[in-house]
Amino acid sequence: MELSFLYVDNHPEENSYIADGKVIAMPTKPSENCDFNYGTKAWDYDLTGAKREAWIRVKLSREADECGTFTWSDNTFQCDEHSQRKLILTMQRALIDSSLSMAWTLADNTVKTFSSADYLNIGTAMSTHMNACHVKAKDLRTTVSYTHLRAHETREDRVCRRVGEKK
């Protein structure tokens, strides 16, 4: 087996490869869901990467929904992590002290006073909201399938996938 080496004065650009002793520019990447196949010198559609990207979008959407707001009895509450912790602590206090009456700043920056029973109901509403966000995300995740991704792929993804399928 004969080994040959190629001396290159300047490092080839990132989007190039060497073939027959020459630096060759890669064709334009059709989409983020394609990987360059050095064997075929073409882009291959990466279904696993597309699924991973879709799941990341689902999780980001879930987190945005979950940490947004929820409503109880026509009052809109913040549901960011700090507000969640504060509400959980207030619910625990309400369980200990049934005579609790405490002011709370709502999402619109108004202040309203709630009782122990109210805080327990508000906590239940927050929990229901967060569960609904997780159920929605779970349903969305099941749509991250080959068929679903094929239905939503771009023209460039289709070109890339078809090139990869011809191997």
Foldseek 3Di string as FASTA:
>chain_A
DDDDDADDPDDADPQWDADPNDTGGQPDQLDPQWDQDPVVSATAGHLVVLLVVQLVVLVVVLLCQLQAWFDDPNFIAGRHPVSLVVLVVLLVVLVVPQADWDWDQTPVRDIDIDGNVVSPVVNVRSVVSNVVSVVVSVVSSVCSDPVNCVVPPDPSSVVNNVVNVVD
